[in-house]
Amino acid sequence: MNGIYLLLGTNLGNRERNLQIAKEHLTAHQLVIKKESKVYETAAWGIEDQPNFLNQVIEVDTSKNPERILIIIQIIEESMGRIRNEKWAQRLIDIDILYYNDLIVDEPRLKIPHPEIPNRRFTLMPLVEIAADQVHPVSGKTQSALLNDCADQLEAKAVNTDQY
C-alpha cells in the first residue's frame, strides 16, 4: 500500500468548517493533501444519543513518521477545542491515522492500520472512494472487500457540503 490516509470526523459546532480548519492545520504542519473523499454524514457510532457526524478521508504526503503525525494530530485537535473524555463522545474534531503506507504499528498510543477500519462503514465508504484497491496490510483484503464484508449497518451517505 502506498499512501498515508487520515479520517477526519466532527459532530459539534459548524461541522463543515471544522473539517476545513483541520485540513488547513494539517497543511500548515507540512502534511500535503493529495486526495480528499466526499464528506459523509452518519449517525454516531458507539454512543448513539448525540448529533450526527460528518466524516472525510484524506490522503496525505509527508516525510514525517507516524509518531510525529500523531503528535501533530493531537496538537490540532487540542487547538480546535477537542476535550478527551469518554470513548466515542461528541467532539469538535477527531483525526485518526488509518494507514501509513503498508506499515504495521502496534504500540499502546498508536495502532496502524487503525484496528476499527473493517468494522466502520463511515470509515470504509470514503476510503473506498479514494483508495478502493489498496490492500490492508494485515488482512490482505482491499478496501472494497472490507466494505463488502463490513457488518456495520449505520448508513453513511455523501452530503452536499455547499448546504453548510
N, C-alpha and C. Protein backbone atom coordinates (compact mmCIF):
# COMPACT_ATOMS: atom_id res chain seq x y z
N MET A 1 0.85 -1.18 0.00
CA MET A 1 0.00 0.00 0.00
C MET A 1 0.89 1.23 0.00
N ASN A 2 0.55 2.15 -0.82
CA ASN A 2 1.25 3.42 -0.83
C ASN A 2 0.26 4.50 -0.46
N GLY A 3 0.54 5.20 0.58
CA GLY A 3 -0.33 6.30 0.96
C GLY A 3 -0.51 6.38 2.46
N ILE A 4 -0.67 7.59 2.91
CA ILE A 4 -0.98 7.86 4.30
C ILE A 4 -2.40 8.39 4.31
N TYR A 5 -3.28 7.68 4.99
CA TYR A 5 -4.71 8.02 4.99
C TYR A 5 -5.15 8.41 6.39
N LEU A 6 -5.86 9.53 6.46
CA LEU A 6 -6.39 10.03 7.72
C LEU A 6 -7.90 10.13 7.62
N LEU A 7 -8.58 9.87 8.74
CA LEU A 7 -10.03 10.05 8.83
C LEU A 7 -10.29 11.27 9.70
N LEU A 8 -11.07 12.20 9.17
CA LEU A 8 -11.49 13.38 9.93
C LEU A 8 -12.95 13.21 10.29
N GLY A 9 -13.31 13.52 11.53
CA GLY A 9 -14.70 13.42 11.96
C GLY A 9 -15.06 14.54 12.91
N THR A 10 -16.33 14.96 12.85
CA THR A 10 -16.81 16.03 13.72
C THR A 10 -18.32 15.94 13.87
N ASN A 11 -18.82 16.21 15.08
CA ASN A 11 -20.28 16.26 15.24
C ASN A 11 -20.74 17.42 16.14
N LEU A 12 -19.90 18.40 16.34
CA LEU A 12 -20.26 19.58 17.13
C LEU A 12 -19.94 20.85 16.36
N GLY A 13 -20.68 21.90 16.64
CA GLY A 13 -20.41 23.19 16.03
C GLY A 13 -20.68 23.19 14.54
N ASN A 14 -19.95 24.02 13.82
CA ASN A 14 -20.05 24.09 12.37
C ASN A 14 -19.20 22.96 11.80
N ARG A 15 -19.82 21.84 11.59
CA ARG A 15 -19.10 20.61 11.24
C ARG A 15 -18.30 20.76 9.94
N GLU A 16 -18.90 21.35 8.94
CA GLU A 16 -18.20 21.54 7.66
C GLU A 16 -16.95 22.41 7.87
N ARG A 17 -17.11 23.48 8.61
CA ARG A 17 -15.98 24.37 8.88
C ARG A 17 -14.91 23.66 9.69
N ASN A 18 -15.31 22.83 10.65
CA ASN A 18 -14.34 22.07 11.45
C ASN A 18 -13.45 21.20 10.56
N LEU A 19 -14.06 20.54 9.57
CA LEU A 19 -13.27 19.72 8.65
C LEU A 19 -12.28 20.59 7.88
N GLN A 20 -12.75 21.73 7.41
CA GLN A 20 -11.89 22.63 6.64
C GLN A 20 -10.73 23.15 7.49
N ILE A 21 -11.02 23.55 8.71
CA ILE A 21 -9.97 24.07 9.60
C ILE A 21 -8.94 22.98 9.88
N ALA A 22 -9.40 21.76 10.13
CA ALA A 22 -8.47 20.65 10.39
C ALA A 22 -7.54 20.44 9.20
N LYS A 23 -8.08 20.49 7.99
CA LYS A 23 -7.24 20.31 6.80
C LYS A 23 -6.24 21.46 6.66
N GLU A 24 -6.66 22.67 6.99
CA GLU A 24 -5.74 23.81 6.94
C GLU A 24 -4.60 23.63 7.94
N HIS A 25 -4.93 23.15 9.14
CA HIS A 25 -3.89 22.90 10.15
C HIS A 25 -2.94 21.80 9.69
N LEU A 26 -3.47 20.72 9.12
CA LEU A 26 -2.61 19.64 8.64
C LEU A 26 -1.65 20.16 7.58
N THR A 27 -2.16 20.96 6.66
CA THR A 27 -1.32 21.54 5.61
C THR A 27 -0.25 22.44 6.21
N ALA A 28 -0.61 23.21 7.22
CA ALA A 28 0.36 24.10 7.88
C ALA A 28 1.48 23.32 8.56
N HIS A 29 1.22 22.06 8.89
CA HIS A 29 2.23 21.19 9.51
C HIS A 29 2.93 20.31 8.48
N GLN A 30 2.92 20.73 7.23
CA GLN A 30 3.60 20.05 6.13
C GLN A 30 3.05 18.65 5.83
N LEU A 31 1.76 18.46 6.01
CA LEU A 31 1.09 17.26 5.51
C LEU A 31 0.33 17.70 4.26
N VAL A 32 0.84 17.32 3.11
CA VAL A 32 0.30 17.76 1.84
C VAL A 32 -0.89 16.87 1.46
N ILE A 33 -2.04 17.47 1.27
CA ILE A 33 -3.24 16.71 0.93
C ILE A 33 -3.21 16.38 -0.56
N LYS A 34 -3.21 15.06 -0.86
CA LYS A 34 -3.16 14.58 -2.24
C LYS A 34 -4.55 14.27 -2.78
N LYS A 35 -5.40 13.68 -1.93
CA LYS A 35 -6.75 13.30 -2.33
C LYS A 35 -7.69 13.54 -1.16
N GLU A 36 -8.95 13.85 -1.49
CA GLU A 36 -10.00 14.01 -0.49
C GLU A 36 -11.23 13.26 -0.95
N SER A 37 -11.84 12.53 -0.04
CA SER A 37 -13.12 11.90 -0.35
C SER A 37 -14.22 12.96 -0.25
N LYS A 38 -15.40 12.58 -0.66
CA LYS A 38 -16.57 13.39 -0.34
C LYS A 38 -16.73 13.39 1.18
N VAL A 39 -17.58 14.26 1.66
CA VAL A 39 -17.92 14.28 3.09
C VAL A 39 -19.14 13.38 3.26
N TYR A 40 -19.09 12.54 4.28
CA TYR A 40 -20.18 11.61 4.56
C TYR A 40 -20.80 11.93 5.91
N GLU A 41 -22.12 11.82 5.98
CA GLU A 41 -22.83 12.02 7.24
C GLU A 41 -23.32 10.67 7.74
N THR A 42 -23.17 10.47 9.04
CA THR A 42 -23.62 9.22 9.64
C THR A 42 -24.04 9.47 11.08
N ALA A 43 -24.90 8.61 11.56
CA ALA A 43 -25.26 8.65 12.98
C ALA A 43 -24.02 8.32 13.80
N ALA A 44 -24.02 8.74 15.04
CA ALA A 44 -22.89 8.46 15.92
C ALA A 44 -22.72 6.95 16.10
N TRP A 45 -21.47 6.54 16.19
CA TRP A 45 -21.11 5.13 16.34
C TRP A 45 -20.60 4.94 17.76
N GLY A 46 -21.07 3.94 18.46
CA GLY A 46 -20.61 3.70 19.83
C GLY A 46 -21.57 4.25 20.86
N ILE A 47 -21.66 5.56 20.95
CA ILE A 47 -22.64 6.22 21.81
C ILE A 47 -23.63 6.91 20.87
N GLU A 48 -24.85 6.43 20.85
CA GLU A 48 -25.78 6.84 19.80
C GLU A 48 -26.56 8.11 20.09
N ASP A 49 -26.68 8.52 21.36
CA ASP A 49 -27.50 9.68 21.71
C ASP A 49 -26.69 10.97 21.60
N GLN A 50 -26.33 11.33 20.38
CA GLN A 50 -25.56 12.54 20.12
C GLN A 50 -25.76 12.94 18.66
N PRO A 51 -25.33 14.14 18.29
CA PRO A 51 -25.54 14.61 16.92
C PRO A 51 -24.81 13.73 15.89
N ASN A 52 -25.31 13.77 14.65
CA ASN A 52 -24.67 13.05 13.55
C ASN A 52 -23.27 13.58 13.29
N PHE A 53 -22.43 12.71 12.77
CA PHE A 53 -21.07 13.06 12.41
C PHE A 53 -20.95 13.37 10.93
N LEU A 54 -20.03 14.25 10.60
CA LEU A 54 -19.51 14.38 9.24
C LEU A 54 -18.13 13.75 9.27
N ASN A 55 -17.84 12.92 8.27
CA ASN A 55 -16.55 12.25 8.17
C ASN A 55 -15.99 12.41 6.77
N GLN A 56 -14.67 12.45 6.70
CA GLN A 56 -13.99 12.55 5.41
C GLN A 56 -12.64 11.86 5.54
N VAL A 57 -12.24 11.15 4.48
CA VAL A 57 -10.91 10.55 4.43
C VAL A 57 -10.06 11.38 3.49
N ILE A 58 -8.83 11.62 3.91
CA ILE A 58 -7.88 12.32 3.05
C ILE A 58 -6.61 11.48 2.95
N GLU A 59 -5.96 11.59 1.80
CA GLU A 59 -4.63 11.00 1.63
C GLU A 59 -3.64 12.14 1.71
N VAL A 60 -2.60 11.96 2.51
CA VAL A 60 -1.59 13.00 2.66
C VAL A 60 -0.22 12.45 2.29
N ASP A 61 0.66 13.36 1.98
CA ASP A 61 2.06 13.04 1.70
C ASP A 61 2.90 13.84 2.67
N THR A 62 3.86 13.18 3.29
CA THR A 62 4.75 13.85 4.23
C THR A 62 5.97 12.98 4.47
N SER A 63 7.04 13.60 4.91
CA SER A 63 8.22 12.84 5.31
C SER A 63 8.20 12.53 6.80
N LYS A 64 7.19 13.01 7.49
CA LYS A 64 7.10 12.81 8.95
C LYS A 64 6.74 11.36 9.25
N ASN A 65 7.30 10.86 10.34
CA ASN A 65 7.00 9.48 10.75
C ASN A 65 5.65 9.42 11.46
N PRO A 66 5.10 8.22 11.64
CA PRO A 66 3.77 8.10 12.25
C PRO A 66 3.66 8.72 13.64
N GLU A 67 4.69 8.58 14.45
CA GLU A 67 4.65 9.14 15.80
C GLU A 67 4.55 10.66 15.75
N ARG A 68 5.29 11.27 14.82
CA ARG A 68 5.25 12.73 14.68
C ARG A 68 3.87 13.17 14.17
N ILE A 69 3.31 12.41 13.24
CA ILE A 69 1.97 12.73 12.75
C ILE A 69 0.96 12.66 13.90
N LEU A 70 1.08 11.65 14.75
CA LEU A 70 0.17 11.54 15.90
C LEU A 70 0.28 12.77 16.80
N ILE A 71 1.49 13.22 17.06
CA ILE A 71 1.68 14.41 17.90
C ILE A 71 1.03 15.63 17.23
N ILE A 72 1.24 15.78 15.94
CA ILE A 72 0.64 16.90 15.20
C ILE A 72 -0.88 16.83 15.29
N ILE A 73 -1.44 15.64 15.10
CA ILE A 73 -2.89 15.46 15.18
C ILE A 73 -3.41 15.88 16.55
N GLN A 74 -2.73 15.46 17.59
CA GLN A 74 -3.18 15.79 18.95
C GLN A 74 -3.09 17.29 19.20
N ILE A 75 -2.07 17.93 18.68
CA ILE A 75 -1.94 19.39 18.80
C ILE A 75 -3.11 20.08 18.08
N ILE A 76 -3.41 19.61 16.88
CA ILE A 76 -4.52 20.20 16.11
C ILE A 76 -5.84 20.01 16.84
N GLU A 77 -6.10 18.79 17.29
CA GLU A 77 -7.36 18.51 17.99
C GLU A 77 -7.50 19.39 19.22
N GLU A 78 -6.43 19.52 19.99
CA GLU A 78 -6.49 20.36 21.20
C GLU A 78 -6.69 21.83 20.84
N SER A 79 -5.99 22.30 19.81
CA SER A 79 -6.11 23.71 19.42
C SER A 79 -7.51 24.03 18.91
N MET A 80 -8.21 23.01 18.39
CA MET A 80 -9.58 23.22 17.90
C MET A 80 -10.62 23.01 18.99
N GLY A 81 -10.18 22.70 20.21
CA GLY A 81 -11.11 22.60 21.32
C GLY A 81 -11.57 21.20 21.67
N ARG A 82 -10.88 20.20 21.16
CA ARG A 82 -11.27 18.83 21.49
C ARG A 82 -10.97 18.57 22.95
N ILE A 83 -11.95 18.01 23.64
CA ILE A 83 -11.78 17.59 25.03
C ILE A 83 -11.86 16.07 25.05
N ARG A 84 -10.81 15.44 25.52
CA ARG A 84 -10.79 13.98 25.57
C ARG A 84 -11.43 13.53 26.87
N ASN A 85 -12.65 13.01 26.74
CA ASN A 85 -13.31 12.46 27.92
C ASN A 85 -13.62 11.00 27.63
N GLU A 86 -14.87 10.65 27.45
CA GLU A 86 -15.17 9.25 27.24
C GLU A 86 -14.99 8.84 25.78
N LYS A 87 -14.72 7.55 25.59
CA LYS A 87 -14.56 7.00 24.25
C LYS A 87 -15.85 7.20 23.46
N TRP A 88 -15.71 7.56 22.18
CA TRP A 88 -16.82 7.76 21.25
C TRP A 88 -17.71 8.94 21.61
N ALA A 89 -17.24 9.84 22.47
CA ALA A 89 -18.05 11.01 22.85
C ALA A 89 -18.10 12.00 21.69
N GLN A 90 -19.03 12.97 21.79
CA GLN A 90 -19.12 14.01 20.77
C GLN A 90 -17.83 14.81 20.78
N ARG A 91 -17.51 15.38 19.62
CA ARG A 91 -16.26 16.12 19.51
C ARG A 91 -16.29 17.13 18.38
N LEU A 92 -15.55 18.19 18.59
CA LEU A 92 -15.40 19.20 17.54
C LEU A 92 -14.60 18.64 16.38
N ILE A 93 -13.58 17.86 16.69
CA ILE A 93 -12.76 17.25 15.64
C ILE A 93 -12.11 15.98 16.20
N ASP A 94 -12.00 15.01 15.32
CA ASP A 94 -11.30 13.77 15.62
C ASP A 94 -10.52 13.43 14.36
N ILE A 95 -9.24 13.17 14.51
CA ILE A 95 -8.40 12.81 13.36
C ILE A 95 -7.72 11.49 13.70
N ASP A 96 -7.95 10.49 12.88
CA ASP A 96 -7.35 9.18 13.08
C ASP A 96 -6.41 8.86 11.93
N ILE A 97 -5.28 8.24 12.27
CA ILE A 97 -4.40 7.69 11.24
C ILE A 97 -4.97 6.32 10.87
N LEU A 98 -5.38 6.16 9.63
CA LEU A 98 -5.91 4.88 9.17
C LEU A 98 -4.78 3.98 8.68
N TYR A 99 -3.99 4.50 7.77
CA TYR A 99 -2.86 3.76 7.20
C TYR A 99 -1.66 4.68 7.07
N TYR A 100 -0.49 4.10 7.19
CA TYR A 100 0.76 4.79 6.87
C TYR A 100 1.52 3.84 5.95
N ASN A 101 1.31 4.03 4.65
CA ASN A 101 1.82 3.10 3.65
C ASN A 101 1.39 1.69 4.04
N ASP A 102 2.31 0.72 4.03
CA ASP A 102 1.93 -0.64 4.44
C ASP A 102 2.49 -0.97 5.82
N LEU A 103 2.82 0.06 6.56
CA LEU A 103 3.41 -0.10 7.89
C LEU A 103 2.40 -0.68 8.88
N ILE A 104 2.90 -1.54 9.76
CA ILE A 104 2.09 -2.07 10.86
C ILE A 104 2.74 -1.61 12.16
N VAL A 105 1.99 -0.89 12.97
CA VAL A 105 2.46 -0.38 14.26
C VAL A 105 1.50 -0.87 15.33
N ASP A 106 2.03 -1.45 16.39
CA ASP A 106 1.19 -1.92 17.50
C ASP A 106 1.80 -1.46 18.81
N GLU A 107 1.60 -0.20 19.11
CA GLU A 107 2.09 0.42 20.33
C GLU A 107 0.88 0.85 21.17
N PRO A 108 1.06 1.03 22.48
CA PRO A 108 -0.09 1.45 23.30
C PRO A 108 -0.75 2.74 22.81
N ARG A 109 0.04 3.72 22.35
CA ARG A 109 -0.51 5.01 21.91
C ARG A 109 -0.90 5.05 20.44
N LEU A 110 -0.42 4.08 19.67
CA LEU A 110 -0.59 4.17 18.22
C LEU A 110 -0.72 2.79 17.60
N LYS A 111 -1.80 2.60 16.89
CA LYS A 111 -2.02 1.33 16.18
C LYS A 111 -2.30 1.65 14.71
N ILE A 112 -1.47 1.11 13.84
CA ILE A 112 -1.61 1.29 12.40
C ILE A 112 -1.47 -0.08 11.75
N PRO A 113 -2.39 -0.47 10.88
CA PRO A 113 -3.59 0.26 10.49
C PRO A 113 -4.55 0.40 11.67
N HIS A 114 -5.42 1.40 11.58
CA HIS A 114 -6.39 1.61 12.65
C HIS A 114 -7.20 0.34 12.82
N PRO A 115 -7.29 -0.19 14.05
CA PRO A 115 -7.92 -1.50 14.25
C PRO A 115 -9.41 -1.56 13.93
N GLU A 116 -10.09 -0.43 13.89
CA GLU A 116 -11.54 -0.44 13.65
C GLU A 116 -11.92 -0.27 12.17
N ILE A 117 -10.96 -0.14 11.28
CA ILE A 117 -11.29 0.07 9.86
C ILE A 117 -12.30 -0.96 9.36
N PRO A 118 -12.08 -2.26 9.56
CA PRO A 118 -13.02 -3.25 9.00
C PRO A 118 -14.43 -3.19 9.59
N ASN A 119 -14.58 -2.53 10.73
CA ASN A 119 -15.86 -2.51 11.45
C ASN A 119 -16.69 -1.27 11.23
N ARG A 120 -16.19 -0.29 10.51
CA ARG A 120 -16.86 1.01 10.43
C ARG A 120 -17.16 1.41 8.99
N ARG A 121 -18.41 1.37 8.65
CA ARG A 121 -18.86 1.78 7.31
C ARG A 121 -18.50 3.25 7.06
N PHE A 122 -18.61 4.10 8.10
CA PHE A 122 -18.33 5.53 7.91
C PHE A 122 -16.86 5.79 7.60
N THR A 123 -16.00 4.84 7.89
CA THR A 123 -14.59 4.93 7.51
C THR A 123 -14.37 4.33 6.13
N LEU A 124 -14.95 3.17 5.91
CA LEU A 124 -14.72 2.44 4.66
C LEU A 124 -15.31 3.12 3.43
N MET A 125 -16.49 3.71 3.55
CA MET A 125 -17.10 4.32 2.36
C MET A 125 -16.23 5.44 1.78
N PRO A 126 -15.79 6.41 2.58
CA PRO A 126 -14.92 7.43 1.98
C PRO A 126 -13.54 6.88 1.59
N LEU A 127 -13.07 5.87 2.32
CA LEU A 127 -11.78 5.27 1.98
C LEU A 127 -11.85 4.57 0.63
N VAL A 128 -12.93 3.83 0.40
CA VAL A 128 -13.12 3.15 -0.88
C VAL A 128 -13.18 4.16 -2.02
N GLU A 129 -13.77 5.31 -1.76
CA GLU A 129 -13.90 6.34 -2.79
C GLU A 129 -12.54 6.77 -3.34
N ILE A 130 -11.53 6.86 -2.47
CA ILE A 130 -10.22 7.36 -2.93
C ILE A 130 -9.13 6.28 -2.96
N ALA A 131 -9.40 5.09 -2.42
CA ALA A 131 -8.36 4.05 -2.36
C ALA A 131 -8.95 2.65 -2.38
N ALA A 132 -9.89 2.41 -3.27
CA ALA A 132 -10.66 1.15 -3.28
C ALA A 132 -9.79 -0.09 -3.38
N ASP A 133 -8.73 -0.03 -4.16
CA ASP A 133 -7.91 -1.21 -4.41
C ASP A 133 -6.71 -1.33 -3.48
N GLN A 134 -6.57 -0.40 -2.57
CA GLN A 134 -5.46 -0.50 -1.62
C GLN A 134 -5.69 -1.71 -0.71
N VAL A 135 -4.61 -2.39 -0.39
CA VAL A 135 -4.70 -3.63 0.38
C VAL A 135 -4.37 -3.37 1.84
N HIS A 136 -5.23 -3.88 2.72
CA HIS A 136 -5.00 -3.81 4.17
C HIS A 136 -3.79 -4.70 4.49
N PRO A 137 -2.75 -4.16 5.14
CA PRO A 137 -1.52 -4.93 5.34
C PRO A 137 -1.65 -6.11 6.31
N VAL A 138 -2.72 -6.18 7.07
CA VAL A 138 -2.91 -7.30 8.00
C VAL A 138 -3.83 -8.36 7.37
N SER A 139 -4.99 -7.93 6.90
CA SER A 139 -5.97 -8.89 6.37
C SER A 139 -5.69 -9.31 4.93
N GLY A 140 -4.96 -8.47 4.20
CA GLY A 140 -4.70 -8.76 2.79
C GLY A 140 -5.88 -8.44 1.88
N LYS A 141 -6.93 -7.84 2.43
CA LYS A 141 -8.12 -7.51 1.64
C LYS A 141 -8.05 -6.07 1.14
N THR A 142 -8.67 -5.83 -0.01
CA THR A 142 -8.78 -4.46 -0.50
C THR A 142 -9.82 -3.73 0.35
N GLN A 143 -9.80 -2.41 0.24
CA GLN A 143 -10.79 -1.61 0.97
C GLN A 143 -12.20 -1.94 0.48
N SER A 144 -12.34 -2.19 -0.81
CA SER A 144 -13.65 -2.58 -1.36
C SER A 144 -14.14 -3.88 -0.74
N ALA A 145 -13.24 -4.85 -0.60
CA ALA A 145 -13.62 -6.14 0.01
C ALA A 145 -13.98 -5.95 1.48
N LEU A 146 -13.22 -5.10 2.18
CA LEU A 146 -13.54 -4.83 3.58
C LEU A 146 -14.93 -4.21 3.71
N LEU A 147 -15.25 -3.27 2.82
CA LEU A 147 -16.58 -2.65 2.86
C LEU A 147 -17.66 -3.68 2.57
N ASN A 148 -17.42 -4.53 1.60
CA ASN A 148 -18.38 -5.58 1.26
C ASN A 148 -18.64 -6.52 2.44
N ASP A 149 -17.60 -6.77 3.24
CA ASP A 149 -17.70 -7.68 4.39
C ASP A 149 -18.14 -6.99 5.68
N CYS A 150 -18.22 -5.67 5.67
CA CYS A 150 -18.49 -4.91 6.90
C CYS A 150 -19.91 -5.16 7.41
N ALA A 151 -20.00 -5.54 8.68
CA ALA A 151 -21.30 -5.83 9.30
C ALA A 151 -22.01 -4.57 9.80
N ASP A 152 -21.30 -3.45 9.89
CA ASP A 152 -21.87 -2.20 10.37
C ASP A 152 -23.02 -1.77 9.46
N GLN A 153 -24.19 -1.55 10.03
CA GLN A 153 -25.37 -1.18 9.25
C GLN A 153 -25.70 0.31 9.30
N LEU A 154 -24.88 1.11 10.02
CA LEU A 154 -25.14 2.55 10.05
C LEU A 154 -24.98 3.13 8.65
N GLU A 155 -25.98 3.87 8.22
CA GLU A 155 -25.91 4.48 6.89
C GLU A 155 -24.89 5.60 6.90
N ALA A 156 -24.04 5.60 5.90
CA ALA A 156 -23.10 6.69 5.68
C ALA A 156 -23.40 7.23 4.29
N LYS A 157 -23.89 8.46 4.23
CA LYS A 157 -24.27 8.99 2.92
C LYS A 157 -23.46 10.24 2.60
N ALA A 158 -23.06 10.33 1.35
CA ALA A 158 -22.34 11.51 0.90
C ALA A 158 -23.28 12.70 0.96
N VAL A 159 -22.76 13.83 1.41
CA VAL A 159 -23.58 15.03 1.55
C VAL A 159 -23.02 16.14 0.68
N ASN A 160 -23.90 17.03 0.30
CA ASN A 160 -23.52 18.23 -0.43
C ASN A 160 -23.05 19.24 0.60
N THR A 161 -21.76 19.48 0.65
CA THR A 161 -21.23 20.36 1.69
C THR A 161 -21.54 21.83 1.41
N ASP A 162 -22.06 22.14 0.25
CA ASP A 162 -22.45 23.52 -0.03
C ASP A 162 -23.64 23.96 0.82
N GLN A 163 -24.35 22.98 1.41
CA GLN A 163 -25.52 23.32 2.21
C GLN A 163 -25.15 23.83 3.60
N TYR A 164 -23.90 23.70 4.00
CA TYR A 164 -23.48 24.10 5.35
C TYR A 164 -22.98 25.51 5.37
